[in-house]
Protein backbone atom coordinates (compact mmCIF):
# COMPACT_ATOMS: atom_id res chain seq x y z
CA MET A 1 21.41 42.40 1.82
CA THR A 2 24.32 40.03 1.27
CA LEU A 3 24.66 36.77 3.16
CA GLY A 4 27.65 38.16 5.11
CA ARG A 5 25.59 41.10 6.36
CA SER A 6 22.69 38.77 7.17
CA MET A 7 25.05 36.60 9.22
CA LEU A 8 26.37 39.58 11.15
CA ALA A 9 22.85 40.85 11.84
CA ALA A 10 21.70 37.43 13.04
CA LEU A 11 24.82 37.08 15.19
CA ALA A 12 24.21 40.47 16.81
CA LEU A 13 20.56 39.56 17.41
CA GLY A 14 21.58 36.23 18.94
CA LEU A 15 24.10 37.91 21.23
CA ALA A 16 21.58 40.53 22.30
CA SER A 17 18.93 37.90 23.05
CA GLY A 18 21.47 36.00 25.13
CA MET A 19 21.95 39.03 27.35
CA THR A 20 18.32 39.10 28.52
CA PRO A 21 17.56 38.61 32.24
CA THR A 22 16.45 35.00 31.65
CA ALA A 23 19.91 34.10 30.32
CA GLN A 24 21.86 33.75 33.56
CA ALA A 25 24.49 31.35 32.23
CA ALA A 26 26.32 31.36 28.92
CA GLN A 27 29.23 29.67 27.18
CA LEU A 28 31.39 31.20 24.48
CA ASP A 29 33.62 28.95 22.36
CA PHE A 30 36.11 30.07 19.74
CA ASP A 31 38.24 27.64 17.74
CA LEU A 32 40.68 27.73 14.85
CA SER A 33 42.11 25.36 12.31
CA ASP A 34 44.52 26.02 9.46
CA LYS A 35 41.84 27.60 7.23
CA ALA A 36 38.73 27.94 9.42
CA ALA A 37 37.48 29.86 12.43
CA ARG A 38 34.34 29.03 14.41
CA PHE A 39 32.47 31.10 16.98
CA ASP A 40 29.80 29.40 19.12
CA TYR A 41 27.62 31.08 21.73
CA LEU A 42 25.28 29.00 23.93
CA PHE A 43 22.97 30.87 26.30
CA LYS A 44 20.31 29.86 28.77
CA LEU A 45 16.72 30.71 27.79
CA THR A 46 14.75 29.12 30.64
CA ASP A 47 15.37 27.46 33.99
CA THR A 48 14.09 24.16 32.58
CA GLY A 49 17.20 23.60 30.44
CA LEU A 50 16.18 25.24 27.17
CA SER A 51 19.15 27.07 25.65
CA GLY A 52 19.72 29.12 22.53
CA ASN A 53 22.71 28.79 20.25
CA VAL A 54 24.44 30.98 17.65
CA ASN A 55 27.19 29.34 15.62
CA LEU A 56 29.25 30.99 12.88
CA LEU A 57 31.84 29.07 10.85
CA HIS A 58 34.09 30.79 8.31
CA HIS A 59 36.32 28.74 6.02
CA GLU A 60 38.87 30.63 3.97
CA ASP A 61 38.24 28.64 0.79
CA ASP A 62 34.92 26.85 1.20
CA GLY A 63 32.54 29.52 2.51
CA ASP A 64 30.50 30.47 5.54
CA LEU A 65 27.87 28.80 7.67
CA LEU A 66 25.51 30.42 10.17
CA ALA A 67 23.45 28.28 12.52
CA LEU A 68 20.79 29.47 14.97
CA GLY A 69 19.26 26.90 17.24
CA VAL A 70 17.56 25.79 20.39
CA VAL A 71 18.64 22.82 22.47
CA LEU A 72 17.20 21.22 25.59
CA VAL A 73 20.16 20.54 27.90
CA GLY A 74 20.03 18.21 30.86
CA ASP A 75 21.65 15.64 33.07
CA ALA A 76 21.84 12.38 31.13
CA ALA A 77 22.83 10.14 34.04
CA GLU A 78 19.91 10.33 36.49
CA GLY A 79 21.29 12.83 38.96
CA LYS A 80 24.97 12.25 38.26
CA GLU A 81 26.57 15.37 36.85
CA PRO A 82 29.44 13.86 34.82
CA LEU A 83 27.26 13.17 31.77
CA THR A 84 25.25 15.99 30.20
CA ALA A 85 23.44 15.92 26.88
CA GLY A 86 21.25 18.07 24.71
CA LEU A 87 18.83 17.58 21.83
CA GLY A 88 17.54 20.28 19.56
CA LEU A 89 16.98 22.00 16.24
CA ARG A 90 19.30 24.20 14.24
CA ALA A 91 18.41 26.52 11.35
CA ILE A 92 21.38 26.74 9.01
CA ILE A 93 22.37 29.15 6.27
CA ILE A 94 25.26 28.13 4.01
CA ASP A 95 27.17 30.24 1.52
CA ALA A 96 29.51 27.66 -0.02
CA ASN A 97 31.90 29.51 -2.31
CA VAL A 98 32.01 26.93 -5.09
CA ALA A 99 28.97 24.74 -4.50
CA GLY A 100 26.11 27.20 -3.94
CA ASP A 101 23.86 28.63 -1.25
CA GLY A 102 21.22 26.97 0.83
CA THR A 103 19.28 26.76 4.05
CA GLY A 104 18.07 23.90 6.17
CA LEU A 105 16.57 22.77 9.43
CA ALA A 106 18.81 20.23 11.15
CA ILE A 107 18.11 17.97 14.13
CA GLY A 108 20.79 16.69 16.44
CA GLY A 109 22.45 17.14 19.75
CA PHE A 110 25.51 16.75 21.89
CA VAL A 111 26.93 14.72 24.76
CA ARG A 112 29.69 15.70 27.22
CA TYR A 113 31.36 13.55 29.86
CA VAL A 114 33.46 15.02 32.71
CA PHE A 115 35.76 12.49 34.35
CA PRO A 116 34.68 12.39 38.04
CA ASP A 117 38.15 11.75 39.49
CA PHE A 118 39.84 14.16 37.06
CA ASN A 119 37.19 16.85 36.69
CA ARG A 120 39.43 19.17 34.68
CA PHE A 121 39.21 16.68 31.78
CA ALA A 122 36.15 16.10 29.60
CA LEU A 123 35.20 14.46 26.30
CA GLY A 124 32.37 15.66 24.10
CA GLY A 125 30.81 15.43 20.72
CA ASP A 126 27.88 16.63 18.66
CA ALA A 127 26.11 15.80 15.42
CA TYR A 128 23.42 17.49 13.31
CA ILE A 129 21.71 16.39 10.10
CA ALA A 130 19.27 18.04 7.70
CA PRO A 131 17.81 15.56 5.19
CA SER A 132 16.50 16.65 1.78
CA VAL A 133 12.99 17.27 3.14
CA THR A 134 14.30 20.10 5.39
CA SER A 135 16.99 21.45 3.02
CA PHE A 136 16.27 24.30 0.61
CA GLY A 137 17.88 26.35 -2.15
CA ASP A 138 20.91 24.66 -3.69
CA LEU A 139 21.32 22.48 -0.58
CA ASN A 140 19.96 18.91 -0.81
CA ARG A 141 21.35 17.53 2.49
CA TYR A 142 23.52 18.68 5.36
CA PHE A 143 25.60 16.80 7.94
CA GLU A 144 28.08 17.83 10.62
CA TYR A 145 29.81 16.21 13.56
CA SER A 146 32.61 17.06 15.95
CA LEU A 147 34.50 15.30 18.73
CA ARG A 148 36.72 17.05 21.26
CA GLY A 149 38.81 16.61 24.38
CA GLU A 150 38.76 19.43 26.93
CA TYR A 151 40.95 20.65 29.76
CA ARG A 152 39.68 23.26 32.27
CA LEU A 153 42.37 25.80 33.20
CA THR A 154 40.08 27.54 35.69
CA LYS A 155 36.51 26.97 36.85
CA ASN A 156 35.16 29.13 34.00
CA ALA A 157 37.80 28.82 31.28
CA GLY A 158 39.26 25.94 29.34
CA MET A 159 40.89 24.84 26.14
CA TYR A 160 40.11 21.98 23.78
CA LEU A 161 41.38 20.01 20.83
CA GLY A 162 39.04 18.32 18.42
CA VAL A 163 38.11 17.10 14.97
CA ARG A 164 35.18 18.32 12.89
CA GLU A 165 33.49 17.56 9.58
CA VAL A 166 30.82 19.74 7.95
CA GLN A 167 29.33 18.64 4.61
CA GLY A 168 26.55 19.75 2.31
CA ASP A 169 25.14 18.02 -0.76
CA PHE A 170 24.48 20.67 -3.41
CA GLY A 171 23.22 18.31 -6.11
CA PHE A 172 26.52 16.91 -7.37
CA GLY A 173 27.71 14.95 -4.33
CA ASN A 174 28.94 15.98 -0.93
CA THR A 175 30.91 19.20 -0.63
CA THR A 176 33.13 19.53 2.42
CA ILE A 177 32.74 22.92 4.03
CA ASP A 178 35.19 22.19 6.85
CA ASP A 179 37.06 19.15 8.14
CA GLY A 180 40.09 18.32 10.22
CA LEU A 181 41.66 19.24 13.53
CA PHE A 182 40.95 22.41 15.48
CA VAL A 183 42.07 24.01 18.74
CA GLY A 184 39.93 26.33 20.83
CA ILE A 185 39.03 28.07 24.04
CA SER A 186 35.82 27.94 26.06
CA LEU A 187 34.62 30.63 28.48
CA GLU A 188 31.63 30.31 30.81
CA PHE A 189 29.97 33.27 32.50
């Protein structure tokens, strides 16, 4: 089975698992840059804040990345809702067109701040890293981060603008899989 088919099968499995009765809240993000498209699906697994995540990034020139993860999401400001954060693990599969293929287990998380007086506006960011000890195949290390500003159009839909960098070390230095500005939409249901 090719990596592309594996990604589609894992994506379908992730979507199906997100539709179980325990997943009562979900968020779907889709963003685009000049040469890349990213799909991200976050779904609730338990009432204690544990969520699942399926993330698929396709870059026209540099390859594909599939990430499946779990993240514990919670209120980071002792009862004040404006600041939420999450920490978790992400299994990654990379098919870098020029550099090679690899897998890894990354740790990381995210933070998101909603401005209390202007609650349609929010800032957020995330970062994940897989050092050499949890990277396999051609992949020696993996690192990604993104920062974004958000604007809510409705209670359950918004748009955002951000910057992202995704890199893998395939034995001959860092290879950029995606970097630069992106624009996207976010839907909650």
